[in-house]
Structure formats: structure tokens, C-alpha cells
C-alpha atoms as a PDB file:
ATOM      1  CA  MET A   1       5.841  15.549  30.112  1.00  0.00           C
ATOM      2  CA  ASP A   2       3.636  17.764  27.861  1.00  0.00           C
ATOM      3  CA  ILE A   3       0.539  17.413  26.081  1.00  0.00           C
ATOM      4  CA  ILE A   4      -0.520  18.872  23.076  1.00  0.00           C
ATOM      5  CA  ALA A   5      -4.060  19.109  21.525  1.00  0.00           C
ATOM      6  CA  LEU A   6      -4.293  19.812  17.969  1.00  0.00           C
ATOM      7  CA  PRO A   7      -7.751  19.900  16.463  1.00  0.00           C
ATOM      8  CA  MET A   8      -7.774  18.479  12.978  1.00  0.00           C
ATOM      9  CA  THR A   9     -10.203  16.790  10.126  1.00  0.00           C
ATOM     10  CA  PRO A  10     -13.733  18.457   9.299  1.00  0.00           C
ATOM     11  CA  PHE A  11     -15.264  16.974  12.400  1.00  0.00           C
ATOM     12  CA  VAL A  12     -12.538  18.987  14.628  1.00  0.00           C
ATOM     13  CA  THR A  13     -10.946  16.524  16.485  1.00  0.00           C
ATOM     14  CA  ASN A  14      -8.712  16.001  19.063  1.00  0.00           C
ATOM     15  CA  CYS A  15      -5.300  13.971  18.009  1.00  0.00           C
ATOM     16  CA  PHE A  16      -2.777  14.440  20.804  1.00  0.00           C
ATOM     17  CA  ILE A  17       0.525  14.605  21.238  1.00  0.00           C
ATOM     18  CA  LEU A  18       2.319  13.460  24.235  1.00  0.00           C
ATOM     19  CA  ARG A  19       6.236  14.019  24.728  1.00  0.00           C
ATOM     20  CA  ASP A  20       8.225  12.569  27.163  1.00  0.00           C
ATOM     21  CA  GLN A  21      11.992  12.478  27.468  1.00  0.00           C
ATOM     22  CA  GLY A  22      12.396  12.416  23.651  1.00  0.00           C
ATOM     23  CA  SER A  23       9.945  10.241  22.635  1.00  0.00           C
ATOM     24  CA  ALA A  24       6.085  10.474  21.528  1.00  0.00           C
ATOM     25  CA  LEU A  25       2.978   8.787  21.548  1.00  0.00           C
ATOM     26  CA  ILE A  26       0.237  10.101  19.282  1.00  0.00           C
ATOM     27  CA  VAL A  27      -3.832   9.596  20.291  1.00  0.00           C
ATOM     28  CA  ASP A  28      -6.402   9.713  17.170  1.00  0.00           C
ATOM     29  CA  PRO A  29      -4.616  10.995  13.653  1.00  0.00           C
ATOM     30  CA  GLY A  30      -7.980  11.640  12.230  1.00  0.00           C
ATOM     31  CA  ASP A  31      -4.814  13.428   9.435  1.00  0.00           C
ATOM     32  CA  VAL A  32      -1.096  14.515   9.360  1.00  0.00           C
ATOM     33  CA  THR A  33      -1.780  18.126  10.077  1.00  0.00           C
ATOM     34  CA  ASP A  34       1.492  20.412   9.794  1.00  0.00           C
ATOM     35  CA  GLY A  35       1.090  21.095  13.496  1.00  0.00           C
ATOM     36  CA  LEU A  36       1.443  17.539  13.723  1.00  0.00           C
ATOM     37  CA  VAL A  37       4.623  17.423  11.730  1.00  0.00           C
ATOM     38  CA  ASP A  38       5.828  20.031  13.809  1.00  0.00           C
ATOM     39  CA  ALA A  39       5.104  18.434  17.351  1.00  0.00           C
ATOM     40  CA  ILE A  40       7.022  15.245  16.997  1.00  0.00           C
ATOM     41  CA  GLU A  41       9.961  17.170  14.990  1.00  0.00           C
ATOM     42  CA  GLY A  42      13.225  16.018  17.043  1.00  0.00           C
ATOM     43  CA  TYR A  43      11.281  13.291  18.872  1.00  0.00           C
ATOM     44  CA  THR A  44      10.790   9.185  18.313  1.00  0.00           C
ATOM     45  CA  VAL A  45       7.314   7.968  17.533  1.00  0.00           C
ATOM     46  CA  ASP A  46       7.205   4.237  18.673  1.00  0.00           C
ATOM     47  CA  THR A  47       3.338   3.758  18.869  1.00  0.00           C
ATOM     48  CA  VAL A  48       0.126   5.256  17.616  1.00  0.00           C
ATOM     49  CA  VAL A  49      -3.166   4.687  19.696  1.00  0.00           C
ATOM     50  CA  ASN A  50      -6.922   4.847  18.459  1.00  0.00           C
ATOM     51  CA  THR A  51      -9.354   5.649  21.454  1.00  0.00           C
ATOM     52  CA  HIS A  52     -11.641   4.713  19.382  1.00  0.00           C
ATOM     53  CA  CYS A  53     -11.649   4.002  15.448  1.00  0.00           C
ATOM     54  CA  HIS A  54     -14.514   6.304  14.077  1.00  0.00           C
ATOM     55  CA  CYS A  55     -13.093   7.623  10.754  1.00  0.00           C
ATOM     56  CA  ASP A  56     -12.143  11.462  12.387  1.00  0.00           C
ATOM     57  CA  HIS A  57     -10.241   9.993  15.182  1.00  0.00           C
ATOM     58  CA  CYS A  58      -8.004   7.416  12.947  1.00  0.00           C
ATOM     59  CA  GLY A  59      -7.936   8.835   9.332  1.00  0.00           C
ATOM     60  CA  GLY A  60      -4.383   9.645   9.187  1.00  0.00           C
ATOM     61  CA  ASN A  61      -3.361   6.314  10.470  1.00  0.00           C
ATOM     62  CA  ALA A  62      -1.475   5.365   7.741  1.00  0.00           C
ATOM     63  CA  ALA A  63       0.151   8.421   6.546  1.00  0.00           C
ATOM     64  CA  VAL A  64       1.449   8.983  10.345  1.00  0.00           C
ATOM     65  CA  LEU A  65       2.839   5.090  10.720  1.00  0.00           C
ATOM     66  CA  GLU A  66       4.509   5.684   6.573  1.00  0.00           C
ATOM     67  CA  ARG A  67       6.364   8.708   8.457  1.00  0.00           C
ATOM     68  CA  THR A  68       7.478   7.240  11.680  1.00  0.00           C
ATOM     69  CA  GLY A  69       7.391   3.706  11.750  1.00  0.00           C
ATOM     70  CA  ALA A  70       5.081   3.826  14.524  1.00  0.00           C
ATOM     71  CA  ARG A  71       2.865   0.401  15.848  1.00  0.00           C
ATOM     72  CA  LEU A  72      -0.429   1.401  15.827  1.00  0.00           C
ATOM     73  CA  LEU A  73      -2.898  -0.283  18.159  1.00  0.00           C
ATOM     74  CA  CYS A  74      -6.815  -0.268  19.331  1.00  0.00           C
ATOM     75  CA  HIS A  75      -9.123  -2.466  20.998  1.00  0.00           C
ATOM     76  CA  ALA A  76      -9.895  -5.781  18.986  1.00  0.00           C
ATOM     77  CA  ALA A  77     -13.711  -5.168  19.334  1.00  0.00           C
ATOM     78  CA  ASP A  78     -13.110  -1.554  16.919  1.00  0.00           C
ATOM     79  CA  LEU A  79     -11.270  -3.857  14.048  1.00  0.00           C
ATOM     80  CA  PRO A  80     -14.718  -3.940  11.824  1.00  0.00           C
ATOM     81  CA  LEU A  81     -15.095  -0.258  12.462  1.00  0.00           C
ATOM     82  CA  LEU A  82     -11.043   0.528  11.358  1.00  0.00           C
ATOM     83  CA  HIS A  83     -11.933  -2.060   8.385  1.00  0.00           C
ATOM     84  CA  ALA A  84     -14.526   0.564   7.200  1.00  0.00           C
ATOM     85  CA  LEU A  85     -12.950   3.492   7.604  1.00  0.00           C
ATOM     86  CA  GLU A  86     -13.332   4.517   4.218  1.00  0.00           C
ATOM     87  CA  GLN A  87     -16.852   3.632   4.004  1.00  0.00           C
ATOM     88  CA  GLN A  88     -17.467   5.377   7.259  1.00  0.00           C
ATOM     89  CA  GLY A  89     -15.781   8.644   5.877  1.00  0.00           C
ATOM     90  CA  LEU A  90     -18.174   8.538   2.487  1.00  0.00           C
ATOM     91  CA  VAL A  91     -21.359   8.472   4.461  1.00  0.00           C
ATOM     92  CA  PHE A  92     -20.319  11.698   5.704  1.00  0.00           C
ATOM     93  CA  GLY A  93     -19.195  12.950   2.547  1.00  0.00           C
ATOM     94  CA  VAL A  94     -15.345  13.142   3.687  1.00  0.00           C
ATOM     95  CA  PRO A  95     -12.433  11.152   2.087  1.00  0.00           C
ATOM     96  CA  PHE A  96      -9.818   8.670   4.336  1.00  0.00           C
ATOM     97  CA  PRO A  97      -7.557   6.116   2.922  1.00  0.00           C
ATOM     98  CA  PRO A  98      -7.530   3.058   4.610  1.00  0.00           C
ATOM     99  CA  SER A  99      -5.617   1.790   8.035  1.00  0.00           C
ATOM    100  CA  PRO A 100      -3.163  -0.036   8.095  1.00  0.00           C
ATOM    101  CA  GLU A 101      -3.715  -3.511  10.582  1.00  0.00           C
ATOM    102  CA  PRO A 102      -2.810  -2.762  13.848  1.00  0.00           C
ATOM    103  CA  SER A 103       0.252  -4.501  15.862  1.00  0.00           C
ATOM    104  CA  ALA A 104      -1.168  -5.738  18.699  1.00  0.00           C
ATOM    105  CA  TYR A 105      -4.365  -4.947  20.888  1.00  0.00           C
ATOM    106  CA  LEU A 106      -5.111  -3.211  23.760  1.00  0.00           C
ATOM    107  CA  LYS A 107      -6.744  -4.607  26.636  1.00  0.00           C
ATOM    108  CA  GLU A 108      -8.396  -3.398  30.203  1.00  0.00           C
ATOM    109  CA  GLY A 109      -5.212  -3.318  32.274  1.00  0.00           C
ATOM    110  CA  ASP A 110      -2.514  -3.079  29.594  1.00  0.00           C
ATOM    111  CA  THR A 111       0.062  -0.167  29.765  1.00  0.00           C
ATOM    112  CA  VAL A 112       1.219   2.525  26.827  1.00  0.00           C
ATOM    113  CA  SER A 113       4.183   4.169  27.956  1.00  0.00           C
ATOM    114  CA  PHE A 114       6.650   6.106  26.048  1.00  0.00           C
ATOM    115  CA  GLY A 115       9.472   7.998  27.444  1.00  0.00           C
ATOM    116  CA  GLY A 116       9.284   8.117  31.596  1.00  0.00           C
ATOM    117  CA  VAL A 117       5.431   8.109  31.342  1.00  0.00           C
ATOM    118  CA  SER A 118       3.539   4.355  31.572  1.00  0.00           C
ATOM    119  CA  LEU A 119      -0.486   4.908  30.730  1.00  0.00           C
ATOM    120  CA  GLU A 120      -3.261   2.852  32.402  1.00  0.00           C
ATOM    121  CA  VAL A 121      -5.558   1.513  29.290  1.00  0.00           C
ATOM    122  CA  ARG A 122      -9.472   1.267  30.801  1.00  0.00           C
ATOM    123  CA  HIS A 123     -12.080  -0.432  28.263  1.00  0.00           C
ATOM    124  CA  THR A 124     -14.828   2.283  28.128  1.00  0.00           C
ATOM    125  CA  PRO A 125     -17.540   0.766  25.547  1.00  0.00           C
ATOM    126  CA  GLY A 126     -20.530   2.381  24.588  1.00  0.00           C
ATOM    127  CA  HIS A 127     -19.665   5.099  22.290  1.00  0.00           C
ATOM    128  CA  SER A 128     -17.979   2.109  20.160  1.00  0.00           C
ATOM    129  CA  PRO A 129     -17.672  -1.236  21.256  1.00  0.00           C
ATOM    130  CA  GLY A 130     -13.527  -0.973  21.622  1.00  0.00           C
ATOM    131  CA  HIS A 131     -13.277   2.231  23.027  1.00  0.00           C
ATOM    132  CA  VAL A 132     -10.417   2.865  25.733  1.00  0.00           C
ATOM    133  CA  VAL A 133      -8.648   5.567  27.003  1.00  0.00           C
ATOM    134  CA  LEU A 134      -5.719   6.122  28.869  1.00  0.00           C
ATOM    135  CA  VAL A 135      -4.981   6.949  32.507  1.00  0.00           C
ATOM    136  CA  GLY A 136      -2.020   8.826  33.594  1.00  0.00           C
ATOM    137  CA  ASP A 137      -1.302  11.024  36.730  1.00  0.00           C
ATOM    138  CA  GLY A 138      -3.725  13.245  37.018  1.00  0.00           C
ATOM    139  CA  PHE A 139      -4.754  13.203  33.609  1.00  0.00           C
ATOM    140  CA  VAL A 140      -7.042  10.928  30.885  1.00  0.00           C
ATOM    141  CA  ILE A 141      -6.969  10.981  27.044  1.00  0.00           C
ATOM    142  CA  GLY A 142     -10.661  10.307  26.840  1.00  0.00           C
ATOM    143  CA  GLY A 143     -11.929   9.811  23.535  1.00  0.00           C
ATOM    144  CA  ASP A 144     -15.137  10.420  22.581  1.00  0.00           C
ATOM    145  CA  VAL A 145     -16.663   8.891  25.967  1.00  0.00           C
ATOM    146  CA  LEU A 146     -16.519  12.463  28.350  1.00  0.00           C
ATOM    147  CA  PHE A 147     -17.110  15.784  27.396  1.00  0.00           C
ATOM    148  CA  ALA A 148     -17.482  19.027  28.852  1.00  0.00           C
ATOM    149  CA  GLY A 149     -21.050  19.421  29.270  1.00  0.00           C
ATOM    150  CA  SER A 150     -21.616  16.871  27.482  1.00  0.00           C
ATOM    151  CA  ILE A 151     -21.726  12.797  26.744  1.00  0.00           C
ATOM    152  CA  GLY A 152     -20.305  10.783  23.524  1.00  0.00           C
ATOM    153  CA  ARG A 153     -22.914   9.690  20.914  1.00  0.00           C
ATOM    154  CA  THR A 154     -24.641   6.642  20.920  1.00  0.00           C
ATOM    155  CA  ASP A 155     -26.096   6.806  17.776  1.00  0.00           C
ATOM    156  CA  LEU A 156     -23.707   5.228  15.749  1.00  0.00           C
ATOM    157  CA  PRO A 157     -23.251   1.768  14.950  1.00  0.00           C
ATOM    158  CA  GLY A 158     -22.323  -0.183  18.599  1.00  0.00           C
ATOM    159  CA  GLY A 159     -23.320   2.842  20.189  1.00  0.00           C
ATOM    160  CA  ASN A 160     -25.598   1.802  23.820  1.00  0.00           C
ATOM    161  CA  TYR A 161     -26.137   4.552  25.980  1.00  0.00           C
ATOM    162  CA  GLU A 162     -26.471   2.560  28.470  1.00  0.00           C
ATOM    163  CA  GLN A 163     -22.749   0.853  28.111  1.00  0.00           C
ATOM    164  CA  LEU A 164     -21.766   4.768  27.899  1.00  0.00           C
ATOM    165  CA  LEU A 165     -22.871   5.924  31.132  1.00  0.00           C
ATOM    166  CA  HIS A 166     -21.662   2.291  32.838  1.00  0.00           C
ATOM    167  CA  SER A 167     -18.281   2.916  31.707  1.00  0.00           C
ATOM    168  CA  ILE A 168     -18.437   6.643  32.664  1.00  0.00           C
ATOM    169  CA  LYS A 169     -19.294   5.862  36.528  1.00  0.00           C
ATOM    170  CA  THR A 170     -17.357   2.863  36.786  1.00  0.00           C
ATOM    171  CA  LYS A 171     -13.960   3.891  34.910  1.00  0.00           C
ATOM    172  CA  LEU A 172     -13.861   7.480  35.126  1.00  0.00           C
ATOM    173  CA  LEU A 173     -15.682   9.057  38.039  1.00  0.00           C
ATOM    174  CA  THR A 174     -13.527   6.345  40.310  1.00  0.00           C
ATOM    175  CA  LEU A 175     -10.814   9.200  39.196  1.00  0.00           C
ATOM    176  CA  PRO A 176     -10.111  11.855  41.647  1.00  0.00           C
ATOM    177  CA  ASP A 177     -11.768  15.193  41.281  1.00  0.00           C
ATOM    178  CA  ASP A 178      -8.580  17.428  39.600  1.00  0.00           C
ATOM    179  CA  THR A 179      -8.189  14.414  37.242  1.00  0.00           C
ATOM    180  CA  VAL A 180      -8.054  16.539  33.913  1.00  0.00           C
ATOM    181  CA  VAL A 181      -9.586  14.437  30.901  1.00  0.00           C
ATOM    182  CA  TYR A 182      -8.688  15.359  27.196  1.00  0.00           C
ATOM    183  CA  SER A 183     -11.699  14.640  25.329  1.00  0.00           C
ATOM    184  CA  GLY A 184     -11.522  13.552  21.522  1.00  0.00           C
ATOM    185  CA  HIS A 185     -13.755  17.055  20.876  1.00  0.00           C
ATOM    186  CA  GLY A 186     -14.046  20.388  22.709  1.00  0.00           C
ATOM    187  CA  PRO A 187     -11.948  21.863  25.617  1.00  0.00           C
ATOM    188  CA  ALA A 188     -10.260  19.916  28.593  1.00  0.00           C
ATOM    189  CA  THR A 189     -12.238  19.228  31.620  1.00  0.00           C
ATOM    190  CA  THR A 190     -11.897  18.055  34.996  1.00  0.00           C
ATOM    191  CA  ILE A 191     -13.467  14.588  36.493  1.00  0.00           C
ATOM    192  CA  GLY A 192     -14.938  16.926  39.270  1.00  0.00           C
ATOM    193  CA  ALA A 193     -16.403  19.122  37.292  1.00  0.00           C
ATOM    194  CA  GLU A 194     -18.111  17.188  34.901  1.00  0.00           C
ATOM    195  CA  ARG A 195     -19.417  15.115  38.207  1.00  0.00           C
ATOM    196  CA  ARG A 196     -21.217  18.375  39.311  1.00  0.00           C
ATOM    197  CA  SER A 197     -22.592  20.317  36.575  1.00  0.00           C
ATOM    198  CA  ASN A 198     -22.856  17.256  33.647  1.00  0.00           C
ATOM    199  CA  PRO A 199     -26.996  17.107  33.247  1.00  0.00           C
ATOM    200  CA  PHE A 200     -26.012  13.420  31.370  1.00  0.00           C
ATOM    201  CA  LEU A 201     -24.223  12.356  34.514  1.00  0.00           C
ATOM    202  CA  VAL A 202     -27.285  13.282  37.344  1.00  0.00           C
ATOM    203  CA  ASP A 203     -28.085  10.033  38.863  1.00  0.00           C
ATOM    204  CA  LEU A 204     -24.533   8.807  38.702  1.00  0.00           C
END
């Protein structure tokens, strides 16, 4: 299996393409770029996942689904954000087209599979009410929960600082220290590195 990080949108959001055995999973398509098109060339894309429904993570939903015919999955608690995708973009002066409706909703303990890979869904609210992360073997696709040296912002609608710290403590810091965290912005990190040096996690 390979994981490709594709920074995109003016927010420099990481879209992730996970590929295995001829199948690919797209996570957080903020846009459709040449890099994304190249990364899925020759692969079957059945599923697109939004870790959360802020505009920079789902602005490319419509174009990706039109190109691939994939199903769209997100958590039901973020549906109001998905429905307000265009309005979110206007706040930041960045136009985004509306998203198709999800095919189904993710919840804690669900599994997202592609190729020979299965990922566990963990509900991690705080950055947004319906934020989820995808936990694989030795890695986590973490969206905007935990970053290298920082954590997700909580000043947007639906954000909650205490809830975010609780999500990090109970859903991410329970993973082994060598677990690689692929964050929604910036470089990858590990659970151990953030446990030792992230100033927001000192009291966790």
C-alpha cells in the first residue's frame, strides 16, 4: 500500500490518495488537481471520505465524484457544514461548488476498506462536530485534529477546545508511539513525537 499526500487549495490542505491492489481511496479532496488525476490513473476509486466538512477538505467532492463515480462518506454531524460549503468558501474569498449528498454516514467503529486494506473510523469531534480519523496499520489519516507541534483550531463554528483535547487523548494518544500521523495540513508526524513535544498535550 502507498499513501500520497497532495497539498491543494489556497489553504494548502493535504488530500490523501491511498492505493492498494488496484484500488484507491481519496480522503479530503479540497480540489481536483493534475496531481490527483495522475495519482488515481489506472486505479479504481470506489470511495471518497471527508474527515470533516470544512470547505478546504471537501471543495473537490463534486468534481471527484463526477470523475470516478465513487460514493461519498462523512459523519452525519458535519452535514450542516457540507450543506454550507459554498458559504464557507465565500467567507474566505475562495469559491467552491456545492457537494453531492453523502451515500452513507460514518460512525465510531465503522470500517472503510479498499484493496486489501481496512481502516478503522474513530469519531474525533472538537475541530468540527463530525470530525473522524481513519486508523490503519501503523498510521492514521488525522485530518485537522493533531498537527506537528500543534492541534486543530477550535474557533470555527462547531469547534470546542476541551472536546478536541479529549478526542486527542482518547482516540489518538492511545495509539502506539511509532504510529505515523498524516495531518490535514503540514508534514507528517508520529504519536510519540507529539506526546513528547507538542505544547498543547502537556497535561494529557
